Amino acid sequence: MAFTEELARAVLAADGHHQAKLIALGENAVFELSDGAAVAKVGRGPELLERAARELRTATWLAAHGVPAVRAAEPEARLVDGHPVTYWERLPDTVRPAEPADLAALLRLVHALPEPDFALPRRDLLDGVERWLRLAGTAVDPADAAYLRERRDGFAAAAAALTPHITPGPIHGDALPRNVHVGPQGPVLVDLETVSSDLREHDLVVMALSRDRYGLDPAAYASFTAAYGWDVRDWEGCAVLRGARETASCAWVAQHAPGNPAALAEFRRRVASLRDDDPTVRWHAF
């Protein structure tokens, strides 16, 4: 069954909330509850319950270390009609869009943290590739799917052999300005479900890829590296993590291809640029 707004609303209603405003629909459906004080996240399926519970625990851990981040409104995740549901404090309205330098400052705080007293997973960028390609089904060319699987295997092996520049440890895992909320009290991190323990360089390659593939202004990228204090592109392992993330990004778009011509076109554009080894082709955010 497709994960739709209607399905997520039914799950939320089963948990006692019949009036809510949809904020986002992606890996989760995110709703603002009618009381205006809390936000609910409804996950796609029961296999994501453990991740949802870890996200809540991560929020508590970050709060204990004084890292500005979204806070849990309820401490436990629960499974409702086969979907994980978590509740979060509603953030105040934004005062301005988040900038790369805001993200860099928050990453410095996270990257200074020791390991928590609970296990964080590795940041396996490529873990979702098989699931996303399976969801794409016959909407994508089987040869393209096979190509991405081959790339996945190659980059997984190469990433495992990297020598880091920074001591590994806790990372955000999806370090983009869209995951920073700038309210009256300043920037805070949101979307903590990908918080992991791995190479810190994972968090930095994201913005390098934004500059090179998605057209981020070089000046904005320079502000990011200045605020963080280092440019990951100076590290010899950068190309490997970049290649892994590009592979995952292609497969992620593929899952939206069935019934969505724009997603299919973007998927084909991305795969073609990888096949042609053409880093100058700009990708469109999706």
Protein backbone atom coordinates (compact mmCIF):
# COMPACT_ATOMS: atom_id res chain seq x y z
CA MET A 1 0.00 0.00 0.00
CA ALA A 2 1.33 3.44 -0.93
CA PHE A 3 2.26 5.77 1.91
CA THR A 4 -0.06 8.73 1.39
CA GLU A 5 -1.32 11.68 3.37
CA GLU A 6 -4.67 9.94 3.74
CA LEU A 7 -3.04 6.81 5.18
CA ALA A 8 -0.92 8.83 7.61
CA ARG A 9 -3.98 10.81 8.72
CA ALA A 10 -5.81 7.57 9.45
CA VAL A 11 -2.90 6.40 11.60
CA LEU A 12 -2.89 9.69 13.48
CA ALA A 13 -6.65 9.49 13.99
CA ALA A 14 -6.23 5.99 15.41
CA ASP A 15 -3.85 7.52 17.95
CA GLY A 16 -6.48 10.07 18.98
CA HIS A 17 -5.66 13.06 16.78
CA HIS A 18 -8.35 13.87 14.23
CA GLN A 19 -7.35 17.43 13.34
CA ALA A 20 -3.84 18.14 12.09
CA LYS A 21 -2.07 20.18 9.41
CA LEU A 22 0.29 18.38 7.06
CA ILE A 23 3.78 19.95 7.09
CA ALA A 24 5.75 17.45 5.01
CA LEU A 25 5.35 14.08 3.31
CA GLY A 26 8.47 12.07 2.56
CA GLU A 27 10.13 9.29 4.54
CA ASN A 28 7.66 10.39 7.23
CA ALA A 29 4.40 12.28 7.25
CA VAL A 30 4.81 15.28 9.56
CA PHE A 31 1.75 17.00 11.03
CA GLU A 32 1.20 19.99 13.27
CA LEU A 33 -1.41 19.03 15.83
CA SER A 34 -4.48 21.15 16.40
CA ASP A 35 -3.24 22.41 19.77
CA GLY A 36 -0.33 24.12 17.98
CA ALA A 37 2.12 22.94 20.64
CA ALA A 38 3.29 19.65 19.19
CA VAL A 39 4.21 17.95 15.92
CA ALA A 40 3.60 14.31 15.04
CA LYS A 41 5.73 12.15 12.76
CA VAL A 42 4.19 9.07 11.19
CA GLY A 43 6.64 6.58 9.67
CA ARG A 44 6.16 4.45 6.58
CA GLY A 45 6.21 1.03 8.21
CA PRO A 46 6.90 -1.08 11.31
CA GLU A 47 10.55 -1.67 10.35
CA LEU A 48 11.17 2.02 11.19
CA LEU A 49 10.00 1.77 14.82
CA GLU A 50 13.52 1.20 16.16
CA ARG A 51 14.80 4.20 14.22
CA ALA A 52 11.98 6.38 15.55
CA ALA A 53 12.75 5.34 19.13
CA ARG A 54 16.44 6.08 18.63
CA GLU A 55 15.60 9.52 17.24
CA LEU A 56 13.76 10.39 20.45
CA ARG A 57 16.67 9.13 22.55
CA THR A 58 19.06 11.15 20.39
CA ALA A 59 17.05 14.31 21.02
CA THR A 60 17.31 13.77 24.78
CA TRP A 61 21.06 13.16 24.50
CA LEU A 62 21.63 16.32 22.45
CA ALA A 63 19.61 18.33 24.94
CA ALA A 64 21.78 17.01 27.79
CA HIS A 65 24.86 18.29 25.95
CA GLY A 66 23.30 21.67 25.20
CA VAL A 67 23.18 21.20 21.44
CA PRO A 68 20.34 23.26 19.94
CA ALA A 69 18.03 20.67 18.40
CA VAL A 70 14.38 19.72 18.19
CA ARG A 71 13.03 18.33 21.48
CA ALA A 72 10.75 15.37 22.09
CA ALA A 73 7.24 16.10 23.37
CA GLU A 74 6.77 12.46 24.43
CA PRO A 75 9.63 10.11 25.38
CA GLU A 76 8.45 6.92 23.68
CA ALA A 77 7.70 5.91 20.11
CA ARG A 78 4.69 3.72 19.53
CA LEU A 79 3.40 1.52 16.76
CA VAL A 80 -0.08 2.48 15.55
CA ASP A 81 -1.69 0.34 12.86
CA GLY A 82 1.77 -0.80 11.78
CA HIS A 83 3.30 2.69 11.65
CA PRO A 84 5.71 4.31 14.15
CA VAL A 85 4.39 7.55 15.64
CA THR A 86 6.45 10.08 17.59
CA TYR A 87 5.61 13.48 19.05
CA TRP A 88 7.82 16.56 19.11
CA GLU A 89 7.71 20.07 20.54
CA ARG A 90 6.61 22.53 17.88
CA LEU A 91 9.37 24.94 16.97
CA PRO A 92 8.61 28.67 16.81
CA ASP A 93 8.19 30.18 13.38
CA THR A 94 11.38 30.81 11.44
CA VAL A 95 12.82 34.29 11.36
CA ARG A 96 14.93 33.67 8.24
CA PRO A 97 16.08 30.81 6.00
CA ALA A 98 18.97 28.70 7.30
CA GLU A 99 22.35 29.40 5.73
CA PRO A 100 25.25 26.97 5.20
CA ALA A 101 27.23 28.75 7.92
CA ASP A 102 24.39 28.06 10.42
CA LEU A 103 24.67 24.38 9.61
CA ALA A 104 28.45 24.40 9.96
CA ALA A 105 28.27 25.90 13.45
CA LEU A 106 25.85 23.19 14.59
CA LEU A 107 27.97 20.45 13.02
CA ARG A 108 30.98 21.67 14.98
CA LEU A 109 29.00 21.12 18.18
CA VAL A 110 27.86 17.64 17.18
CA HIS A 111 31.31 16.65 15.96
CA ALA A 112 32.79 17.62 19.34
CA LEU A 113 30.55 15.18 21.21
CA PRO A 114 31.69 11.84 22.61
CA GLU A 115 29.76 8.67 21.92
CA PRO A 116 26.40 8.51 23.75
CA ASP A 117 25.52 5.79 26.27
CA PHE A 118 23.38 4.05 23.63
CA ALA A 119 24.41 2.57 20.32
CA LEU A 120 24.31 4.75 17.24
CA PRO A 121 24.34 2.97 13.86
CA ARG A 122 26.93 3.48 11.17
CA ARG A 123 25.95 5.98 8.47
CA ASP A 124 25.35 3.53 5.68
CA LEU A 125 24.36 5.85 2.87
CA LEU A 126 23.88 2.91 0.56
CA ASP A 127 21.67 0.83 2.83
CA GLY A 128 18.44 2.13 1.27
CA VAL A 129 19.46 1.61 -2.35
CA GLU A 130 17.92 -1.83 -2.68
CA ARG A 131 14.65 -0.78 -1.06
CA TRP A 132 14.34 2.34 -3.23
CA LEU A 133 15.06 0.42 -6.43
CA ARG A 134 12.55 -2.22 -5.42
CA LEU A 135 9.92 0.47 -4.90
CA ALA A 136 10.76 1.86 -8.34
CA GLY A 137 9.91 -1.51 -9.88
CA THR A 138 9.43 -1.53 -13.63
CA ALA A 139 9.19 2.26 -13.83
CA VAL A 140 12.97 2.47 -14.28
CA ASP A 141 15.17 0.72 -16.82
CA PRO A 142 16.46 -2.57 -15.34
CA ALA A 143 19.89 -1.76 -16.79
CA ASP A 144 19.97 1.49 -14.79
CA ALA A 145 18.97 -0.33 -11.63
CA ALA A 146 21.70 -2.91 -12.21
CA TYR A 147 24.22 -0.12 -12.80
CA LEU A 148 23.34 1.53 -9.49
CA ARG A 149 23.63 -1.78 -7.64
CA GLU A 150 27.09 -2.25 -9.10
CA ARG A 151 28.08 1.28 -8.07
CA ARG A 152 26.68 0.67 -4.60
CA ASP A 153 28.83 -2.40 -4.10
CA GLY A 154 31.95 -0.68 -5.39
CA PHE A 155 31.60 2.42 -3.27
CA ALA A 156 30.65 0.42 -0.17
CA ALA A 157 33.94 -1.45 -0.40
CA ALA A 158 35.91 1.73 -1.10
CA ALA A 159 34.29 3.63 1.79
CA ALA A 160 35.15 0.85 4.23
CA ALA A 161 38.83 1.29 3.38
CA LEU A 162 39.02 5.08 3.90
CA THR A 163 41.40 6.72 6.34
CA PRO A 164 39.56 9.65 7.98
CA HIS A 165 40.99 13.11 8.47
CA ILE A 166 38.79 13.78 11.53
CA THR A 167 38.34 11.40 14.46
CA PRO A 168 35.13 9.44 13.79
CA GLY A 169 32.13 9.81 16.09
CA PRO A 170 28.58 11.19 16.21
CA ILE A 171 27.33 12.92 13.05
CA HIS A 172 24.00 14.33 11.89
CA GLY A 173 23.94 12.13 8.81
CA ASP A 174 21.89 14.37 6.50
CA ALA A 175 23.67 17.67 6.93
CA LEU A 176 21.80 20.18 4.78
CA PRO A 177 20.50 23.67 5.61
CA ARG A 178 16.95 22.34 5.17
CA ASN A 179 17.56 20.39 8.39
CA VAL A 180 18.28 23.57 10.31
CA HIS A 181 15.45 25.70 11.68
CA VAL A 182 16.30 29.32 12.52
CA GLY A 183 13.90 30.62 15.14
CA PRO A 184 14.02 33.62 17.50
CA GLN A 185 16.63 31.87 19.67
CA GLY A 186 18.86 30.96 16.74
CA PRO A 187 19.52 27.86 14.60
CA VAL A 188 18.52 24.38 15.78
CA LEU A 189 19.01 20.96 14.20
CA VAL A 190 15.95 19.00 13.09
CA ASP A 191 15.33 15.58 11.51
CA LEU A 192 17.55 13.55 13.82
CA GLU A 193 16.65 10.13 12.41
CA THR A 194 19.95 9.85 10.52
CA VAL A 195 22.18 10.70 13.49
CA SER A 196 24.93 8.10 13.39
CA SER A 197 28.45 7.30 14.52
CA ASP A 198 30.82 7.24 11.58
CA LEU A 199 33.26 9.34 9.59
CA ARG A 200 32.62 13.01 10.37
CA GLU A 201 33.43 13.66 6.72
CA HIS A 202 30.00 12.26 5.81
CA ASP A 203 28.43 15.47 7.13
CA LEU A 204 30.79 17.65 5.13
CA VAL A 205 30.59 15.89 1.77
CA VAL A 206 26.88 16.72 1.60
CA MET A 207 27.57 20.41 1.14
CA ALA A 208 30.45 19.78 -1.26
CA LEU A 209 28.02 17.81 -3.41
CA SER A 210 25.47 20.63 -3.11
CA ARG A 211 28.06 22.99 -4.54
CA ASP A 212 29.14 20.73 -7.37
CA ARG A 213 25.87 19.02 -8.37
CA TYR A 214 23.02 21.24 -7.21
CA GLY A 215 24.48 24.66 -7.96
CA LEU A 216 25.06 25.98 -4.45
CA ASP A 217 26.70 29.40 -4.70
CA PRO A 218 30.47 28.96 -4.21
CA ALA A 219 30.41 31.91 -1.82
CA ALA A 220 27.83 30.14 0.33
CA TYR A 221 29.98 27.02 0.30
CA ALA A 222 32.99 29.11 1.30
CA SER A 223 31.01 30.45 4.27
CA PHE A 224 30.29 26.85 5.28
CA THR A 225 33.93 25.77 5.20
CA ALA A 226 35.02 28.96 6.97
CA ALA A 227 32.51 28.41 9.79
CA TYR A 228 33.46 24.75 10.13
CA GLY A 229 37.18 25.35 9.76
CA TRP A 230 38.04 22.85 7.03
CA ASP A 231 37.14 21.99 3.43
CA VAL A 232 36.45 18.28 2.97
CA ARG A 233 37.41 18.58 -0.70
CA ASP A 234 41.04 18.75 0.48
CA TRP A 235 40.73 15.17 1.76
CA GLU A 236 41.67 12.35 -0.60
CA GLY A 237 38.64 10.30 0.45
CA CYS A 238 36.14 12.97 -0.60
CA ALA A 239 35.50 11.46 -4.05
CA VAL A 240 34.57 8.11 -2.52
CA LEU A 241 31.97 9.49 -0.11
CA ARG A 242 30.70 11.80 -2.82
CA GLY A 243 30.27 8.86 -5.20
CA ALA A 244 28.42 6.88 -2.55
CA ARG A 245 26.06 9.76 -1.88
CA GLU A 246 25.42 10.34 -5.58
CA THR A 247 24.54 6.66 -5.97
CA ALA A 248 22.14 6.81 -3.04
CA SER A 249 20.60 10.05 -4.31
CA CYS A 250 19.84 8.46 -7.69
CA ALA A 251 18.19 5.45 -6.10
CA TRP A 252 16.19 7.66 -3.73
CA VAL A 253 14.63 9.51 -6.67
CA ALA A 254 13.87 6.18 -8.36
CA GLN A 255 11.34 5.23 -5.68
CA HIS A 256 9.20 8.21 -6.75
CA ALA A 257 9.31 7.32 -10.45
CA PRO A 258 6.15 5.18 -10.59
CA GLY A 259 3.38 7.56 -11.61
CA ASN A 260 5.61 10.64 -11.37
CA PRO A 261 7.06 11.73 -14.74
CA ALA A 262 9.18 14.48 -13.17
CA ALA A 263 10.87 11.99 -10.84
CA LEU A 264 11.50 9.58 -13.70
CA ALA A 265 13.05 12.33 -15.81
CA GLU A 266 15.30 13.41 -12.96
CA PHE A 267 16.31 9.82 -12.28
CA ARG A 268 17.32 9.34 -15.92
CA ARG A 269 19.22 12.64 -15.88
CA ARG A 270 21.20 11.64 -12.82
CA VAL A 271 22.03 8.14 -14.00
CA ALA A 272 23.12 9.40 -17.42
CA SER A 273 25.51 11.90 -15.82
CA LEU A 274 27.04 9.13 -13.72
CA ARG A 275 27.38 6.79 -16.70
CA ASP A 276 29.04 9.59 -18.67
CA ASP A 277 31.25 10.50 -15.70
CA ASP A 278 30.18 14.11 -16.20
CA PRO A 279 30.33 16.05 -12.92
CA THR A 280 29.25 19.28 -14.64
CA VAL A 281 25.63 18.09 -15.10
CA ARG A 282 23.49 19.91 -12.57
CA TRP A 283 20.94 17.85 -10.68
CA HIS A 284 17.58 19.24 -9.66
CA ALA A 285 16.54 19.01 -6.03
CA PHE A 286 13.55 16.71 -5.67
